[in-house]
Amino acid sequence: MNPLESWTEEQRSAFLYRACADAESGTVRAELFRRLAGEAEAQATIWRAQLTARGHPAPGPFVPDARTRLVARLVQWLGPRRLRNVLSAMKVRGMTIYGSAPPSEPGHSAPAVGSQFERRHRGLGSGGNLRAAVFGVNDGLVSNASLILGVAGASTDVKVVVLTGVAGMAAGAFAMAAGEYVSVQSQRELYEYQIGLERDELKEYPEAEAQELALIYAAKGLPAKQADRLAKRLVADPEHALDTLAREELGLNPGELGSPLGAASSSLISFAVGAFAPLAPYLFGGGDHALPWTIGITATGLFGVGAALSLFTGRNALYSGARMLLLGAIAGAVTFAIGRTLGIAAG
């Protein structure tokens, strides 16, 4: 690690911790952030000593950059809870205190408070790929059906409709795949960078990392002595220490950072499947009946997708299906009307 960069990172973290403490004034979390700021400054002192030991000049007083000042101002306006993802990306630890239950020591049962709520959300996370696939099918279905209806409203030429539908399916699928790849890859790079920092810090000053972890556990509700004992025990086990720090300080699961290629492939396939459905009647010789068939297939698909989404929302399947059908019908009707108006004007 570059000592100057590490010193800057710790000083920036301390600055943001104090902004969080000010925003949480009067709460238990304010004391947590003040103590974490102190820990970050102590770690910055270690890096400063390493820098001078290598013959480099000591850094001057820390001056936060524009990004750090902006985030600190937003924390004052919106609070740390709303900005926890941004703060985590800037090496502000402890964001897992918002909405998470305290841990338990080995041999003790975990607190029951909120356990049902957390299980439901872990279920949502584990079903993320399925949910993304359902949304991908929905995006392809709505966008390509609307495109086909718009063109069909303007022209009765089947070849024009087919060409438009195929182009819309291909362009949409590859655009979705590219966007998903960039999104997941960027997120993965950020997570890997954060975990790498934790790995280096655990190697450089394990006692300080244990203290940070104990502060977070205490803020979650564990008694101070129990939190300190648990943190030291976890950090003393090199095999599991990094995993624990990533989960508790960063809110990350190192084993589930996401696959950019997998996300892109899933997005491409699911969008293409959805986009193909309204196009199928035109491809397989529907003739004069192709448009009614497209409308029927699209309506059935929209209702089915809406009902499937109820698995993730907990809402009534009939209600979810009807809502999705209504929204899709509005989109299709509007684009058909626009196509018909433009077709008449051009004719």
Protein backbone atom coordinates (compact mmCIF):
# COMPACT_ATOMS: atom_id res chain seq x y z
CA MET A 1 0.00 0.00 0.00
CA ASN A 2 1.08 3.57 -0.66
CA PRO A 3 1.41 5.21 2.80
CA LEU A 4 0.43 8.65 1.50
CA GLU A 5 -2.71 7.31 -0.17
CA SER A 6 -3.57 5.31 2.95
CA TRP A 7 -3.04 8.40 5.14
CA THR A 8 -5.35 10.39 2.87
CA GLU A 9 -7.98 7.63 2.95
CA GLU A 10 -7.99 7.53 6.75
CA GLN A 11 -8.12 11.30 7.10
CA ARG A 12 -11.01 11.48 4.66
CA SER A 13 -12.83 8.75 6.58
CA ALA A 14 -12.31 10.65 9.84
CA PHE A 15 -13.70 13.83 8.26
CA LEU A 16 -16.82 12.00 7.09
CA TYR A 17 -17.22 10.16 10.39
CA ARG A 18 -17.39 13.53 12.14
CA ALA A 19 -19.97 14.73 9.60
CA CYS A 20 -22.04 11.63 10.39
CA ALA A 21 -21.63 12.23 14.13
CA ASP A 22 -22.86 15.81 13.73
CA ALA A 23 -25.85 14.62 11.69
CA GLU A 24 -26.68 11.98 14.33
CA SER A 25 -26.23 14.38 17.25
CA GLY A 26 -28.08 13.23 20.34
CA THR A 27 -28.18 9.53 19.36
CA VAL A 28 -26.10 6.50 20.31
CA ARG A 29 -24.81 6.39 16.74
CA ALA A 30 -23.20 9.83 17.15
CA GLU A 31 -20.81 8.43 19.76
CA LEU A 32 -20.01 5.47 17.48
CA PHE A 33 -19.06 7.79 14.62
CA ARG A 34 -16.96 10.03 16.89
CA ARG A 35 -15.02 7.03 18.15
CA LEU A 36 -14.61 5.66 14.63
CA ALA A 37 -13.24 9.07 13.62
CA GLY A 38 -10.70 8.74 16.41
CA GLU A 39 -9.74 5.25 15.23
CA ALA A 40 -9.32 6.50 11.65
CA GLU A 41 -7.07 9.34 12.82
CA ALA A 42 -5.01 6.88 14.86
CA GLN A 43 -4.56 4.71 11.79
CA ALA A 44 -3.62 7.79 9.77
CA THR A 45 -0.89 8.42 12.33
CA ILE A 46 0.51 4.94 11.66
CA TRP A 47 0.65 5.62 7.93
CA ARG A 48 2.25 9.03 8.56
CA ALA A 49 4.97 7.35 10.61
CA GLN A 50 5.60 4.82 7.83
CA LEU A 51 5.85 7.65 5.34
CA THR A 52 8.48 9.54 7.31
CA ALA A 53 10.32 6.30 8.13
CA ARG A 54 10.86 5.83 4.39
CA GLY A 55 12.46 9.25 4.12
CA HIS A 56 9.46 11.08 2.67
CA PRO A 57 8.31 14.43 4.03
CA ALA A 58 5.37 14.37 6.42
CA PRO A 59 2.06 15.34 4.81
CA GLY A 60 0.57 18.72 5.66
CA PRO A 61 -2.81 19.32 7.26
CA PHE A 62 -5.58 17.34 5.61
CA VAL A 63 -7.75 19.36 3.24
CA PRO A 64 -10.87 17.49 2.02
CA ASP A 65 -11.42 17.48 -1.72
CA ALA A 66 -14.58 18.75 -3.42
CA ARG A 67 -16.23 15.31 -3.50
CA THR A 68 -15.67 14.77 0.22
CA ARG A 69 -17.03 18.21 1.09
CA LEU A 70 -20.09 17.58 -1.09
CA VAL A 71 -20.82 14.24 0.57
CA ALA A 72 -20.38 15.78 4.02
CA ARG A 73 -22.87 18.51 3.12
CA LEU A 74 -25.35 15.93 1.82
CA VAL A 75 -24.96 13.97 5.05
CA GLN A 76 -25.95 17.09 6.96
CA TRP A 77 -29.02 17.57 4.77
CA LEU A 78 -30.17 13.98 4.26
CA GLY A 79 -28.57 12.01 7.08
CA PRO A 80 -26.12 9.07 6.92
CA ARG A 81 -28.86 6.47 6.51
CA ARG A 82 -29.90 7.75 3.06
CA LEU A 83 -26.27 8.06 1.96
CA ARG A 84 -24.98 4.81 3.43
CA ASN A 85 -24.03 3.34 0.03
CA VAL A 86 -22.10 6.47 -0.94
CA LEU A 87 -20.39 6.59 2.45
CA SER A 88 -19.44 2.90 2.26
CA ALA A 89 -17.83 3.54 -1.12
CA MET A 90 -15.73 6.28 0.52
CA LYS A 91 -14.39 3.98 3.25
CA VAL A 92 -16.82 5.02 5.96
CA ARG A 93 -17.39 1.87 8.01
CA GLY A 94 -20.30 0.87 10.18
CA MET A 95 -23.16 1.60 7.79
CA THR A 96 -24.52 -1.86 8.65
CA ILE A 97 -25.83 -0.39 11.93
CA TYR A 98 -28.77 0.98 9.99
CA GLY A 99 -31.38 -1.72 10.03
CA SER A 100 -29.32 -4.74 11.06
CA ALA A 101 -29.49 -6.90 14.15
CA PRO A 102 -26.58 -7.38 16.58
CA PRO A 103 -24.41 -10.48 16.10
CA SER A 104 -24.11 -13.28 18.60
CA GLU A 105 -21.12 -14.99 20.07
CA PRO A 106 -20.46 -18.61 19.17
CA GLY A 107 -22.63 -20.77 21.38
CA HIS A 108 -25.27 -18.08 21.90
CA SER A 109 -28.48 -17.74 19.95
CA ALA A 110 -28.91 -14.71 17.74
CA PRO A 111 -31.44 -12.09 18.83
CA ALA A 112 -34.92 -12.75 17.58
CA VAL A 113 -35.80 -9.10 17.00
CA GLY A 114 -36.32 -8.49 13.31
CA SER A 115 -35.29 -11.99 12.34
CA GLN A 116 -38.35 -12.64 10.19
CA PHE A 117 -37.88 -9.34 8.39
CA GLU A 118 -34.23 -10.12 7.69
CA ARG A 119 -34.99 -13.60 6.42
CA ARG A 120 -37.44 -12.16 3.91
CA HIS A 121 -34.83 -9.74 2.63
CA ARG A 122 -32.14 -12.39 2.42
CA GLY A 123 -34.59 -14.39 0.36
CA LEU A 124 -34.99 -11.46 -1.98
CA GLY A 125 -31.25 -11.19 -2.35
CA SER A 126 -30.76 -14.87 -3.05
CA GLY A 127 -33.49 -14.71 -5.70
CA GLY A 128 -31.93 -11.67 -7.32
CA ASN A 129 -31.10 -13.46 -10.57
CA LEU A 130 -34.65 -14.76 -10.95
CA ARG A 131 -36.10 -11.34 -10.21
CA ALA A 132 -33.73 -9.70 -12.72
CA ALA A 133 -34.78 -12.24 -15.35
CA VAL A 134 -38.47 -11.48 -14.77
CA PHE A 135 -37.83 -7.76 -15.09
CA GLY A 136 -35.78 -8.38 -18.23
CA VAL A 137 -38.65 -10.28 -19.85
CA ASN A 138 -41.01 -7.48 -18.85
CA ASP A 139 -38.75 -4.80 -20.36
CA GLY A 140 -38.43 -6.68 -23.63
CA LEU A 141 -42.13 -7.40 -23.80
CA VAL A 142 -43.29 -3.83 -23.13
CA SER A 143 -40.70 -2.03 -25.24
CA ASN A 144 -40.88 -4.23 -28.33
CA ALA A 145 -44.66 -4.61 -28.21
CA SER A 146 -45.00 -0.83 -28.00
CA LEU A 147 -42.56 -0.41 -30.89
CA ILE A 148 -44.40 -2.96 -33.03
CA LEU A 149 -47.78 -1.41 -32.25
CA GLY A 150 -46.48 2.04 -33.10
CA VAL A 151 -45.17 0.90 -36.47
CA ALA A 152 -48.28 -1.21 -37.14
CA GLY A 153 -50.40 1.87 -36.51
CA ALA A 154 -48.44 3.78 -39.14
CA SER A 155 -48.02 1.05 -41.77
CA THR A 156 -49.74 -2.16 -42.82
CA ASP A 157 -46.59 -3.44 -44.50
CA VAL A 158 -45.70 -6.67 -42.64
CA LYS A 159 -42.05 -6.48 -43.76
CA VAL A 160 -41.64 -3.07 -42.16
CA VAL A 161 -43.16 -4.30 -38.90
CA VAL A 162 -40.94 -7.42 -38.86
CA LEU A 163 -37.80 -5.42 -39.62
CA THR A 164 -38.64 -2.94 -36.88
CA GLY A 165 -39.42 -5.68 -34.36
CA VAL A 166 -36.22 -7.61 -35.07
CA ALA A 167 -34.14 -4.43 -34.88
CA GLY A 168 -35.84 -3.43 -31.63
CA MET A 169 -35.26 -6.88 -30.12
CA ALA A 170 -31.58 -6.97 -31.09
CA ALA A 171 -30.80 -3.38 -30.15
CA GLY A 172 -32.65 -3.57 -26.85
CA ALA A 173 -31.13 -6.90 -25.83
CA PHE A 174 -27.55 -5.82 -26.52
CA ALA A 175 -28.08 -2.41 -24.92
CA MET A 176 -29.46 -4.05 -21.79
CA ALA A 177 -26.59 -6.55 -21.71
CA ALA A 178 -23.95 -3.84 -22.12
CA GLY A 179 -25.52 -1.70 -19.43
CA GLU A 180 -25.81 -4.62 -17.03
CA TYR A 181 -22.19 -5.66 -17.67
CA VAL A 182 -20.83 -2.17 -16.99
CA SER A 183 -23.03 -1.79 -13.90
CA VAL A 184 -22.06 -5.11 -12.29
CA GLN A 185 -18.39 -4.82 -13.29
CA SER A 186 -18.13 -1.32 -11.79
CA GLN A 187 -19.82 -2.50 -8.62
CA ARG A 188 -17.55 -5.54 -8.41
CA GLU A 189 -14.42 -3.42 -8.87
CA LEU A 190 -15.55 -1.12 -6.06
CA TYR A 191 -16.25 -4.06 -3.74
CA GLU A 192 -12.92 -5.72 -4.57
CA TYR A 193 -11.12 -2.45 -3.87
CA GLN A 194 -12.85 -2.08 -0.51
CA ILE A 195 -12.14 -5.69 0.48
CA GLY A 196 -8.51 -5.20 -0.60
CA LEU A 197 -8.24 -2.21 1.73
CA GLU A 198 -9.66 -4.28 4.57
CA ARG A 199 -7.13 -7.04 3.84
CA ASP A 200 -4.20 -4.61 3.97
CA GLU A 201 -5.49 -2.88 7.10
CA LEU A 202 -6.05 -6.20 8.85
CA LYS A 203 -2.43 -7.08 8.14
CA GLU A 204 -1.06 -3.68 9.21
CA TYR A 205 -3.05 -3.05 12.39
CA PRO A 206 -5.31 -5.95 13.48
CA GLU A 207 -5.84 -4.42 16.95
CA ALA A 208 -7.31 -1.25 15.45
CA GLU A 209 -9.57 -3.28 13.16
CA ALA A 210 -10.78 -5.27 16.16
CA GLN A 211 -11.55 -2.03 17.98
CA GLU A 212 -13.56 -0.71 15.02
CA LEU A 213 -15.47 -3.97 14.85
CA ALA A 214 -16.20 -3.83 18.57
CA LEU A 215 -17.56 -0.29 18.24
CA ILE A 216 -19.91 -1.42 15.48
CA TYR A 217 -21.11 -4.41 17.51
CA ALA A 218 -21.68 -2.18 20.53
CA ALA A 219 -23.71 0.24 18.40
CA LYS A 220 -25.86 -2.70 17.30
CA GLY A 221 -26.74 -3.48 20.89
CA LEU A 222 -24.12 -5.84 22.30
CA PRO A 223 -22.70 -5.00 25.73
CA ALA A 224 -19.30 -3.31 25.39
CA LYS A 225 -17.29 -6.14 27.02
CA GLN A 226 -19.04 -8.79 24.97
CA ALA A 227 -18.55 -6.77 21.77
CA ASP A 228 -14.84 -6.33 22.51
CA ARG A 229 -14.37 -10.02 23.30
CA LEU A 230 -16.22 -11.12 20.16
CA ALA A 231 -14.32 -8.70 17.91
CA LYS A 232 -10.92 -9.83 19.21
CA ARG A 233 -11.88 -13.48 18.78
CA LEU A 234 -13.01 -12.93 15.20
CA VAL A 235 -9.99 -10.86 14.14
CA ALA A 236 -7.62 -13.43 15.71
CA ASP A 237 -8.86 -16.02 13.20
CA PRO A 238 -7.18 -15.09 9.89
CA GLU A 239 -9.34 -17.50 7.91
CA HIS A 240 -12.57 -15.75 8.80
CA ALA A 241 -11.44 -12.28 9.88
CA LEU A 242 -11.57 -10.67 6.42
CA ASP A 243 -14.97 -12.18 5.68
CA THR A 244 -16.32 -10.87 8.99
CA LEU A 245 -14.89 -7.38 8.47
CA ALA A 246 -16.31 -7.19 4.96
CA ARG A 247 -19.76 -8.16 6.20
CA GLU A 248 -19.85 -6.05 9.36
CA GLU A 249 -17.90 -2.95 8.30
CA LEU A 250 -18.78 -2.82 4.61
CA GLY A 251 -22.05 -4.75 4.48
CA LEU A 252 -20.61 -7.00 1.74
CA ASN A 253 -20.62 -10.73 1.18
CA PRO A 254 -17.23 -11.53 -0.43
CA GLY A 255 -18.66 -14.70 -1.94
CA GLU A 256 -21.48 -12.90 -3.74
CA LEU A 257 -19.96 -9.96 -5.61
CA GLY A 258 -21.81 -10.77 -8.82
CA SER A 259 -20.64 -11.94 -12.25
CA PRO A 260 -20.60 -9.24 -14.97
CA LEU A 261 -20.75 -11.82 -17.78
CA GLY A 262 -23.49 -13.76 -16.03
CA ALA A 263 -25.55 -10.61 -15.45
CA ALA A 264 -25.07 -9.48 -19.06
CA SER A 265 -26.00 -12.88 -20.48
CA SER A 266 -29.07 -13.16 -18.27
CA SER A 267 -30.19 -9.66 -19.21
CA LEU A 268 -29.67 -10.26 -22.94
CA ILE A 269 -31.53 -13.57 -22.97
CA SER A 270 -34.44 -12.45 -20.79
CA PHE A 271 -34.95 -9.24 -22.77
CA ALA A 272 -34.79 -11.13 -26.08
CA VAL A 273 -37.36 -13.67 -24.84
CA GLY A 274 -39.74 -10.91 -23.86
CA ALA A 275 -39.15 -8.95 -27.07
CA PHE A 276 -39.66 -12.04 -29.25
CA ALA A 277 -43.17 -12.77 -27.94
CA PRO A 278 -45.01 -9.84 -29.63
CA LEU A 279 -42.95 -10.33 -32.78
CA ALA A 280 -43.71 -14.04 -33.20
CA PRO A 281 -47.12 -13.68 -34.99
CA TYR A 282 -45.50 -11.58 -37.72
CA LEU A 283 -42.56 -13.97 -38.11
CA PHE A 284 -44.76 -17.06 -38.43
CA GLY A 285 -47.16 -15.79 -41.05
CA GLY A 286 -49.98 -14.34 -39.03
CA GLY A 287 -50.99 -12.22 -42.01
CA ASP A 288 -54.02 -10.01 -41.36
CA HIS A 289 -54.45 -11.62 -37.95
CA ALA A 290 -50.88 -10.92 -36.81
CA LEU A 291 -51.73 -7.69 -34.97
CA PRO A 292 -54.60 -9.20 -32.91
CA TRP A 293 -52.36 -12.15 -32.08
CA THR A 294 -49.58 -9.77 -30.99
CA ILE A 295 -52.00 -7.90 -28.76
CA GLY A 296 -53.29 -11.14 -27.23
CA ILE A 297 -49.83 -12.62 -26.63
CA THR A 298 -48.56 -9.35 -25.17
CA ALA A 299 -51.56 -9.04 -22.85
CA THR A 300 -51.11 -12.61 -21.63
CA GLY A 301 -47.39 -12.09 -21.14
CA LEU A 302 -47.89 -8.84 -19.22
CA PHE A 303 -50.40 -10.42 -16.88
CA GLY A 304 -48.08 -13.40 -16.34
CA VAL A 305 -45.07 -11.20 -15.62
CA GLY A 306 -47.09 -9.10 -13.17
CA ALA A 307 -48.30 -12.21 -11.39
CA ALA A 308 -44.73 -13.54 -11.22
CA LEU A 309 -43.52 -10.30 -9.67
CA SER A 310 -45.98 -10.86 -6.82
CA LEU A 311 -43.56 -13.56 -5.64
CA PHE A 312 -41.09 -10.79 -4.76
CA THR A 313 -43.51 -8.11 -3.59
CA GLY A 314 -45.91 -10.22 -1.54
CA ARG A 315 -48.90 -8.58 -3.25
CA ASN A 316 -51.91 -10.44 -4.62
CA ALA A 317 -51.03 -12.15 -7.92
CA LEU A 318 -54.27 -11.08 -9.65
CA TYR A 319 -53.75 -7.48 -8.59
CA SER A 320 -50.10 -7.45 -9.73
CA GLY A 321 -50.98 -9.08 -13.04
CA ALA A 322 -53.86 -6.66 -13.70
CA ARG A 323 -51.71 -3.66 -12.83
CA MET A 324 -48.95 -4.74 -15.22
CA LEU A 325 -51.53 -5.42 -17.94
CA LEU A 326 -53.02 -1.94 -17.48
CA LEU A 327 -49.65 -0.21 -17.66
CA GLY A 328 -48.65 -2.16 -20.75
CA ALA A 329 -52.01 -1.44 -22.38
CA ILE A 330 -51.54 2.29 -21.84
CA ALA A 331 -48.04 2.19 -23.34
CA GLY A 332 -49.22 0.16 -26.34
CA ALA A 333 -52.31 2.31 -26.94
CA VAL A 334 -50.30 5.54 -26.82
CA THR A 335 -47.63 4.32 -29.25
CA PHE A 336 -50.25 2.87 -31.60
CA ALA A 337 -52.11 6.20 -31.59
CA ILE A 338 -48.89 8.09 -32.28
CA GLY A 339 -48.02 5.72 -35.13
CA ARG A 340 -51.51 5.98 -36.61
CA THR A 341 -51.42 9.81 -36.43
CA LEU A 342 -47.99 10.02 -38.03
CA GLY A 343 -48.95 7.46 -40.65
CA ILE A 344 -52.03 9.44 -41.66
CA ALA A 345 -50.04 12.70 -41.72
CA ALA A 346 -47.30 11.15 -43.86
CA GLY A 347 -49.85 9.53 -46.16
